[in-house]
C-alpha atoms as a PDB file:
ATOM      1  CA  MET A   1      -9.555  19.260 -15.174  1.00  0.00           C
ATOM      2  CA  ASN A   2      -9.538  15.890 -16.676  1.00  0.00           C
ATOM      3  CA  SER A   3     -11.138  12.871 -15.188  1.00  0.00           C
ATOM      4  CA  VAL A   4      -7.875  10.680 -14.367  1.00  0.00           C
ATOM      5  CA  VAL A   5      -6.913  14.483 -12.381  1.00  0.00           C
ATOM      6  CA  GLU A   6     -10.663  14.263 -10.505  1.00  0.00           C
ATOM      7  CA  THR A   7      -9.899  10.746  -9.847  1.00  0.00           C
ATOM      8  CA  LEU A   8      -6.141  10.726  -8.379  1.00  0.00           C
ATOM      9  CA  LEU A   9      -7.868  14.061  -6.536  1.00  0.00           C
ATOM     10  CA  SER A  10     -11.021  12.790  -4.882  1.00  0.00           C
ATOM     11  CA  HIS A  11      -8.794   9.220  -3.069  1.00  0.00           C
ATOM     12  CA  ARG A  12     -10.070   7.954  -0.027  1.00  0.00           C
ATOM     13  CA  SER A  13      -8.588   5.058   1.637  1.00  0.00           C
ATOM     14  CA  ILE A  14     -12.629   2.722   1.846  1.00  0.00           C
ATOM     15  CA  ARG A  15     -12.901  -0.083   4.501  1.00  0.00           C
ATOM     16  CA  LYS A  16     -16.669  -0.544   4.510  1.00  0.00           C
ATOM     17  CA  PHE A  17     -17.780  -2.713   1.643  1.00  0.00           C
ATOM     18  CA  THR A  18     -21.218  -3.147   0.077  1.00  0.00           C
ATOM     19  CA  GLU A  19     -22.061  -7.464  -1.256  1.00  0.00           C
ATOM     20  CA  GLN A  20     -21.253  -6.833  -4.682  1.00  0.00           C
ATOM     21  CA  PRO A  21     -18.826  -8.022  -6.502  1.00  0.00           C
ATOM     22  CA  ILE A  22     -16.188  -7.124  -8.719  1.00  0.00           C
ATOM     23  CA  SER A  23     -17.068  -8.231 -12.217  1.00  0.00           C
ATOM     24  CA  ASP A  24     -14.217 -10.558 -13.999  1.00  0.00           C
ATOM     25  CA  GLU A  25     -14.181  -8.060 -16.821  1.00  0.00           C
ATOM     26  CA  GLN A  26     -13.354  -5.086 -14.266  1.00  0.00           C
ATOM     27  CA  ARG A  27     -10.802  -7.257 -12.079  1.00  0.00           C
ATOM     28  CA  THR A  28      -8.866  -7.834 -15.490  1.00  0.00           C
ATOM     29  CA  ALA A  29      -9.085  -4.685 -16.957  1.00  0.00           C
ATOM     30  CA  ILE A  30      -7.338  -3.034 -13.266  1.00  0.00           C
ATOM     31  CA  ILE A  31      -4.678  -5.762 -13.119  1.00  0.00           C
ATOM     32  CA  ASP A  32      -3.565  -5.072 -16.399  1.00  0.00           C
ATOM     33  CA  CYS A  33      -3.179  -1.443 -16.018  1.00  0.00           C
ATOM     34  CA  ALA A  34      -1.263  -2.491 -13.018  1.00  0.00           C
ATOM     35  CA  ARG A  35       0.913  -4.440 -14.935  1.00  0.00           C
ATOM     36  CA  ALA A  36       1.322  -1.674 -17.117  1.00  0.00           C
ATOM     37  CA  ALA A  37       3.439   0.206 -14.638  1.00  0.00           C
ATOM     38  CA  SER A  38       6.678   1.373 -15.119  1.00  0.00           C
ATOM     39  CA  SER A  39       9.605  -0.594 -14.773  1.00  0.00           C
ATOM     40  CA  SER A  40      12.978  -0.427 -13.338  1.00  0.00           C
ATOM     41  CA  SER A  41      15.598  -1.544 -16.651  1.00  0.00           C
ATOM     42  CA  PHE A  42      11.750  -3.972 -17.873  1.00  0.00           C
ATOM     43  CA  ILE A  43      13.017  -5.822 -14.427  1.00  0.00           C
ATOM     44  CA  GLN A  44       9.293  -6.633 -13.732  1.00  0.00           C
ATOM     45  CA  CYS A  45       9.498  -8.226 -10.538  1.00  0.00           C
ATOM     46  CA  THR A  46       6.440  -7.934  -9.115  1.00  0.00           C
ATOM     47  CA  SER A  47       3.824 -10.331  -8.940  1.00  0.00           C
ATOM     48  CA  ILE A  48       0.199 -10.498  -6.686  1.00  0.00           C
ATOM     49  CA  ILE A  49      -1.454 -13.446  -5.036  1.00  0.00           C
ATOM     50  CA  ARG A  50      -5.077 -12.748  -5.383  1.00  0.00           C
ATOM     51  CA  VAL A  51      -6.668 -14.163  -2.706  1.00  0.00           C
ATOM     52  CA  VAL A  52      -9.685 -15.892  -2.763  1.00  0.00           C
ATOM     53  CA  ASP A  53      -9.961 -18.581   0.144  1.00  0.00           C
ATOM     54  CA  ARG A  54     -12.177 -17.498   2.541  1.00  0.00           C
ATOM     55  CA  GLU A  55     -10.183 -19.327   5.424  1.00  0.00           C
ATOM     56  CA  LYS A  56      -7.534 -17.899   3.674  1.00  0.00           C
ATOM     57  CA  ARG A  57      -8.489 -14.328   3.715  1.00  0.00           C
ATOM     58  CA  GLN A  58      -9.821 -14.666   7.893  1.00  0.00           C
ATOM     59  CA  LEU A  59      -6.143 -15.525   8.355  1.00  0.00           C
ATOM     60  CA  LEU A  60      -4.567 -12.525   6.603  1.00  0.00           C
ATOM     61  CA  ALA A  61      -7.201 -10.123   8.543  1.00  0.00           C
ATOM     62  CA  GLU A  62      -6.027 -11.768  11.741  1.00  0.00           C
ATOM     63  CA  TYR A  63      -2.087 -11.163  10.511  1.00  0.00           C
ATOM     64  CA  ALA A  64      -2.686  -7.712   9.270  1.00  0.00           C
ATOM     65  CA  GLY A  65      -3.972  -6.939  12.942  1.00  0.00           C
ATOM     66  CA  ASN A  66      -7.693  -7.995  13.341  1.00  0.00           C
ATOM     67  CA  GLN A  67      -9.123  -5.685   9.805  1.00  0.00           C
ATOM     68  CA  ALA A  68     -12.182  -7.148   9.313  1.00  0.00           C
ATOM     69  CA  TYR A  69     -12.343  -5.805   5.981  1.00  0.00           C
ATOM     70  CA  VAL A  70      -9.326  -8.003   4.415  1.00  0.00           C
ATOM     71  CA  ALA A  71     -11.877 -10.745   4.976  1.00  0.00           C
ATOM     72  CA  SER A  72     -14.742  -9.291   3.545  1.00  0.00           C
ATOM     73  CA  ALA A  73     -13.471  -6.816   0.674  1.00  0.00           C
ATOM     74  CA  ALA A  74     -15.009  -7.383  -2.365  1.00  0.00           C
ATOM     75  CA  GLU A  75     -11.366  -8.572  -4.168  1.00  0.00           C
ATOM     76  CA  PHE A  76      -8.011  -9.214  -1.584  1.00  0.00           C
ATOM     77  CA  PHE A  77      -4.434  -8.983  -3.538  1.00  0.00           C
ATOM     78  CA  VAL A  78      -1.075  -9.049  -2.112  1.00  0.00           C
ATOM     79  CA  PHE A  79       1.574  -6.918  -3.636  1.00  0.00           C
ATOM     80  CA  CYS A  80       4.774  -8.778  -3.306  1.00  0.00           C
ATOM     81  CA  VAL A  81       8.816  -8.018  -5.159  1.00  0.00           C
ATOM     82  CA  ASP A  82       9.949 -11.433  -7.108  1.00  0.00           C
ATOM     83  CA  PHE A  83      12.786 -12.195  -7.614  1.00  0.00           C
ATOM     84  CA  ASN A  84      12.481 -15.809  -7.626  1.00  0.00           C
ATOM     85  CA  ARG A  85      11.172 -15.531 -11.164  1.00  0.00           C
ATOM     86  CA  HIS A  86      14.327 -14.689 -12.510  1.00  0.00           C
ATOM     87  CA  SER A  87      16.338 -17.109 -10.669  1.00  0.00           C
ATOM     88  CA  GLN A  88      14.634 -20.039 -12.558  1.00  0.00           C
ATOM     89  CA  ILE A  89      15.217 -17.777 -15.738  1.00  0.00           C
ATOM     90  CA  LYS A  90      18.667 -17.761 -14.471  1.00  0.00           C
ATOM     91  CA  PRO A  91      19.990 -19.877 -11.654  1.00  0.00           C
ATOM     92  CA  ASP A  92      22.844 -18.381 -11.126  1.00  0.00           C
ATOM     93  CA  ALA A  93      21.597 -15.026 -11.056  1.00  0.00           C
ATOM     94  CA  LYS A  94      23.197 -12.299  -8.778  1.00  0.00           C
ATOM     95  CA  LEU A  95      20.412 -11.532  -6.496  1.00  0.00           C
ATOM     96  CA  GLY A  96      20.152  -9.787  -2.574  1.00  0.00           C
ATOM     97  CA  PHE A  97      21.736  -6.695  -3.125  1.00  0.00           C
ATOM     98  CA  THR A  98      20.226  -3.348  -1.467  1.00  0.00           C
ATOM     99  CA  GLU A  99      19.863  -1.484  -4.529  1.00  0.00           C
ATOM    100  CA  GLN A 100      17.445  -4.734  -6.101  1.00  0.00           C
ATOM    101  CA  THR A 101      14.893  -4.188  -2.586  1.00  0.00           C
ATOM    102  CA  LEU A 102      14.491  -0.849  -3.819  1.00  0.00           C
ATOM    103  CA  ILE A 103      13.849  -1.665  -6.796  1.00  0.00           C
ATOM    104  CA  GLY A 104      11.287  -4.013  -6.005  1.00  0.00           C
ATOM    105  CA  ALA A 105      10.053  -1.714  -3.363  1.00  0.00           C
ATOM    106  CA  VAL A 106       9.202   1.225  -6.317  1.00  0.00           C
ATOM    107  CA  ASP A 107       7.978  -1.017  -8.555  1.00  0.00           C
ATOM    108  CA  THR A 108       5.760  -2.501  -6.918  1.00  0.00           C
ATOM    109  CA  ALA A 109       4.282   0.453  -5.252  1.00  0.00           C
ATOM    110  CA  LEU A 110       3.617   1.715  -8.421  1.00  0.00           C
ATOM    111  CA  MET A 111       1.690  -1.449  -9.418  1.00  0.00           C
ATOM    112  CA  ALA A 112      -0.822  -1.258  -6.836  1.00  0.00           C
ATOM    113  CA  GLN A 113      -0.993   2.687  -7.354  1.00  0.00           C
ATOM    114  CA  ASN A 114      -1.933   1.909 -10.976  1.00  0.00           C
ATOM    115  CA  ALA A 115      -4.263  -0.884  -9.508  1.00  0.00           C
ATOM    116  CA  LEU A 116      -6.070   1.398  -7.277  1.00  0.00           C
ATOM    117  CA  VAL A 117      -6.129   4.287  -9.167  1.00  0.00           C
ATOM    118  CA  ALA A 118      -8.283   2.165 -12.332  1.00  0.00           C
ATOM    119  CA  ALA A 119     -10.465   0.466  -9.833  1.00  0.00           C
ATOM    120  CA  GLU A 120     -11.663   4.571  -8.495  1.00  0.00           C
ATOM    121  CA  SER A 121     -12.037   5.404 -12.124  1.00  0.00           C
ATOM    122  CA  MET A 122     -14.897   1.728 -12.361  1.00  0.00           C
ATOM    123  CA  GLY A 123     -15.919   4.126  -9.329  1.00  0.00           C
ATOM    124  CA  LEU A 124     -14.648   1.295  -6.576  1.00  0.00           C
ATOM    125  CA  GLY A 125     -12.928   1.554  -3.715  1.00  0.00           C
ATOM    126  CA  GLY A 126      -9.948   0.180  -1.767  1.00  0.00           C
ATOM    127  CA  VAL A 127      -7.334   1.162   1.067  1.00  0.00           C
ATOM    128  CA  TYR A 128      -3.563  -0.402   1.521  1.00  0.00           C
ATOM    129  CA  ILE A 129      -2.818  -2.646   3.707  1.00  0.00           C
ATOM    130  CA  GLY A 130       0.917  -2.422   5.225  1.00  0.00           C
ATOM    131  CA  GLY A 131      -0.772  -4.257   8.691  1.00  0.00           C
ATOM    132  CA  LEU A 132       0.363  -7.510   6.306  1.00  0.00           C
ATOM    133  CA  ARG A 133       4.314  -7.319   7.592  1.00  0.00           C
ATOM    134  CA  ASN A 134       2.986  -7.259  10.951  1.00  0.00           C
ATOM    135  CA  ASN A 135       2.658 -10.775  10.462  1.00  0.00           C
ATOM    136  CA  PRO A 136       5.644 -11.486   7.355  1.00  0.00           C
ATOM    137  CA  ASP A 137       6.756 -14.793   8.351  1.00  0.00           C
ATOM    138  CA  LYS A 138       3.089 -16.450   9.018  1.00  0.00           C
ATOM    139  CA  VAL A 139       1.696 -13.930   5.621  1.00  0.00           C
ATOM    140  CA  ALA A 140       4.844 -15.798   3.371  1.00  0.00           C
ATOM    141  CA  ASP A 141       4.391 -19.878   5.114  1.00  0.00           C
ATOM    142  CA  LEU A 142       0.220 -19.053   4.763  1.00  0.00           C
ATOM    143  CA  LEU A 143       1.036 -17.961   0.674  1.00  0.00           C
ATOM    144  CA  ASN A 144       3.539 -20.651   0.104  1.00  0.00           C
ATOM    145  CA  LEU A 145       5.934 -17.317  -0.540  1.00  0.00           C
ATOM    146  CA  PRO A 146       9.587 -19.542  -1.636  1.00  0.00           C
ATOM    147  CA  SER A 147      12.447 -17.620  -1.354  1.00  0.00           C
ATOM    148  CA  HIS A 148      13.091 -13.887  -3.743  1.00  0.00           C
ATOM    149  CA  VAL A 149       9.515 -13.539  -2.541  1.00  0.00           C
ATOM    150  CA  LEU A 150       8.637 -10.651  -0.536  1.00  0.00           C
ATOM    151  CA  PRO A 151       4.765 -10.025   0.634  1.00  0.00           C
ATOM    152  CA  LEU A 152       4.699  -5.607   1.229  1.00  0.00           C
ATOM    153  CA  PHE A 153       1.347  -4.929   1.441  1.00  0.00           C
ATOM    154  CA  GLY A 154      -2.238  -6.064   0.397  1.00  0.00           C
ATOM    155  CA  LEU A 155      -4.856  -4.408  -1.268  1.00  0.00           C
ATOM    156  CA  CYS A 156      -8.457  -5.030  -0.714  1.00  0.00           C
ATOM    157  CA  LEU A 157     -10.811  -3.386  -3.391  1.00  0.00           C
ATOM    158  CA  GLY A 158     -14.982  -3.347  -3.452  1.00  0.00           C
ATOM    159  CA  TYR A 159     -18.284  -1.107  -4.135  1.00  0.00           C
ATOM    160  CA  PRO A 160     -18.279   1.856  -1.423  1.00  0.00           C
ATOM    161  CA  ALA A 161     -20.564   2.004   1.681  1.00  0.00           C
ATOM    162  CA  GLN A 162     -18.663   4.492   2.916  1.00  0.00           C
ATOM    163  CA  ASP A 163     -18.346   8.353   2.067  1.00  0.00           C
ATOM    164  CA  PRO A 164     -15.928   9.677   3.671  1.00  0.00           C
ATOM    165  CA  GLU A 165     -14.030  13.049   3.359  1.00  0.00           C
ATOM    166  CA  THR A 166     -10.668  13.693   1.549  1.00  0.00           C
ATOM    167  CA  LYS A 167      -7.655  13.543   4.050  1.00  0.00           C
ATOM    168  CA  PRO A 168      -5.840  16.533   3.812  1.00  0.00           C
ATOM    169  CA  ARG A 169      -2.091  16.108   2.357  1.00  0.00           C
ATOM    170  CA  LEU A 170       0.552  18.155   3.420  1.00  0.00           C
ATOM    171  CA  PRO A 171       0.764  21.620   1.184  1.00  0.00           C
ATOM    172  CA  ALA A 172       2.639  21.884  -2.068  1.00  0.00           C
ATOM    173  CA  ASP A 173       4.816  24.424  -0.029  1.00  0.00           C
ATOM    174  CA  LEU A 174       6.345  22.150   2.484  1.00  0.00           C
ATOM    175  CA  VAL A 175       6.486  19.255   0.209  1.00  0.00           C
ATOM    176  CA  VAL A 176       8.576  20.784  -3.098  1.00  0.00           C
ATOM    177  CA  HIS A 177      11.406  22.328  -3.273  1.00  0.00           C
ATOM    178  CA  THR A 178      13.078  24.025  -6.238  1.00  0.00           C
ATOM    179  CA  ASP A 179      16.812  23.185  -6.496  1.00  0.00           C
ATOM    180  CA  SER A 180      18.186  22.235  -2.928  1.00  0.00           C
ATOM    181  CA  TYR A 181      16.614  21.201   0.002  1.00  0.00           C
ATOM    182  CA  GLN A 182      15.503  24.010   1.540  1.00  0.00           C
ATOM    183  CA  PRO A 183      14.547  24.260   5.548  1.00  0.00           C
ATOM    184  CA  MET A 184      10.633  23.422   6.797  1.00  0.00           C
ATOM    185  CA  ASP A 185       8.575  26.651   7.240  1.00  0.00           C
ATOM    186  CA  SER A 186       7.310  26.157  10.517  1.00  0.00           C
ATOM    187  CA  ASP A 187       4.234  28.717  10.079  1.00  0.00           C
ATOM    188  CA  LYS A 188       3.187  26.670   7.435  1.00  0.00           C
ATOM    189  CA  LEU A 189       3.133  23.027   9.264  1.00  0.00           C
ATOM    190  CA  GLN A 190       2.121  24.923  11.701  1.00  0.00           C
ATOM    191  CA  ASP A 191      -1.257  25.953   9.570  1.00  0.00           C
ATOM    192  CA  TYR A 192      -1.426  22.469   8.786  1.00  0.00           C
ATOM    193  CA  ASP A 193      -1.592  21.457  11.302  1.00  0.00           C
ATOM    194  CA  ALA A 194      -4.319  23.099  12.674  1.00  0.00           C
ATOM    195  CA  ILE A 195      -6.040  21.710   9.192  1.00  0.00           C
ATOM    196  CA  VAL A 196      -5.660  17.727  10.112  1.00  0.00           C
ATOM    197  CA  ARG A 197      -6.970  18.247  13.547  1.00  0.00           C
ATOM    198  CA  GLU A 198      -9.840  20.051  12.647  1.00  0.00           C
ATOM    199  CA  TYR A 199     -10.649  16.861  10.123  1.00  0.00           C
ATOM    200  CA  TYR A 200     -10.311  14.638  13.131  1.00  0.00           C
ATOM    201  CA  ARG A 201     -12.266  16.453  15.453  1.00  0.00           C
ATOM    202  CA  THR A 202     -15.514  16.652  12.340  1.00  0.00           C
ATOM    203  CA  ARG A 203     -14.999  12.885  11.495  1.00  0.00           C
ATOM    204  CA  THR A 204     -14.737  11.169  14.821  1.00  0.00           C
ATOM    205  CA  GLY A 205     -17.793  13.538  16.108  1.00  0.00           C
ATOM    206  CA  GLY A 206     -14.266  15.107  18.517  1.00  0.00           C
ATOM    207  CA  ASN A 207     -13.798  11.770  19.734  1.00  0.00           C
ATOM    208  CA  LYS A 208      -9.662  12.441  17.877  1.00  0.00           C
ATOM    209  CA  GLU A 209      -8.237  15.907  18.104  1.00  0.00           C
ATOM    210  CA  MET A 210      -4.449  15.972  16.913  1.00  0.00           C
ATOM    211  CA  SER A 211      -1.991  17.378  14.764  1.00  0.00           C
ATOM    212  CA  TRP A 212       0.018  16.288  11.831  1.00  0.00           C
ATOM    213  CA  SER A 213       2.860  16.859  14.143  1.00  0.00           C
ATOM    214  CA  GLU A 214       1.311  15.075  16.792  1.00  0.00           C
ATOM    215  CA  GLN A 215       0.978  11.808  15.283  1.00  0.00           C
ATOM    216  CA  ILE A 216       3.866  11.590  13.525  1.00  0.00           C
ATOM    217  CA  ALA A 217       5.676  12.276  17.143  1.00  0.00           C
ATOM    218  CA  ASP A 218       3.506   9.404  18.151  1.00  0.00           C
ATOM    219  CA  THR A 219       4.503   7.508  14.933  1.00  0.00           C
ATOM    220  CA  LEU A 220       7.749   7.925  14.843  1.00  0.00           C
ATOM    221  CA  GLY A 221       8.644   8.055  19.212  1.00  0.00           C
ATOM    222  CA  LYS A 222       8.253   3.889  18.919  1.00  0.00           C
ATOM    223  CA  GLU A 223       9.991   0.878  16.739  1.00  0.00           C
ATOM    224  CA  ALA A 224       8.629   0.256  13.592  1.00  0.00           C
ATOM    225  CA  ARG A 225       8.851  -3.206  12.629  1.00  0.00           C
ATOM    226  CA  PRO A 226      12.301  -3.706  13.902  1.00  0.00           C
ATOM    227  CA  PHE A 227      11.813  -7.825  12.475  1.00  0.00           C
ATOM    228  CA  MET A 228      11.423  -6.678   9.628  1.00  0.00           C
ATOM    229  CA  LYS A 229      14.989  -6.536   8.835  1.00  0.00           C
ATOM    230  CA  ALA A 230      15.646 -10.827   9.277  1.00  0.00           C
ATOM    231  CA  PHE A 231      12.890 -11.515   7.386  1.00  0.00           C
ATOM    232  CA  ILE A 232      13.848  -9.563   4.772  1.00  0.00           C
ATOM    233  CA  GLU A 233      17.314 -11.021   4.656  1.00  0.00           C
ATOM    234  CA  SER A 234      15.878 -14.600   5.251  1.00  0.00           C
ATOM    235  CA  LYS A 235      14.098 -13.996   1.976  1.00  0.00           C
ATOM    236  CA  GLY A 236      17.032 -13.082   0.439  1.00  0.00           C
ATOM    237  CA  PHE A 237      16.813  -9.448   0.149  1.00  0.00           C
ATOM    238  CA  SER A 238      19.056  -7.012   1.380  1.00  0.00           C
ATOM    239  CA  ILE A 239      22.369  -9.476   2.045  1.00  0.00           C
ATOM    240  CA  LYS A 240      24.378  -7.482   0.597  1.00  0.00           C
END
């Protein structure tokens, strides 16, 4: 393997950081790597809000469900789909299509992944903050996001103050299909469930024992931010 593969395979979410700052050079390189990500039709419809104001950081931490590391991480970025830039170039741009929402979500995720991998290659760690979507209207107001700008998630970055295990992912046999979609192999899922259960047991000292199937049943057995549809539409996305 090479260093890129090793970095990707060693990914862990980091939620505890030291007080050491990220240098200007590191931050510039991280953002440059994000900007280098693929872009559908070269539309380049992503903006990054770097939040340095401590009061705003604290509010964002609260909006995200009281995730303290949003406030304490060396850097915090909010990744947004941005077609406002395009409307300034072409005021009568035909916006609001669901396809544009998909393009924006894909391009933004690619940029964010590039940013995190670049950071991890420097010995930094990070974690994505989807909890910003708990209060998307408050996030948008706080960051003064105009129409056609949609906050998707945040990214904490800093020097790790913890060394968690890598979380076991679904095996390739359950993820990769050849030529057509294949029925799920229940035996392989059962094997994976046992691995995940043991992972949680050892990580929490026996305080949590849950299989992946149980976790999915719990997660998908309740509403998933039903207010997001109205918020997305209010920002001019997916209205046609």
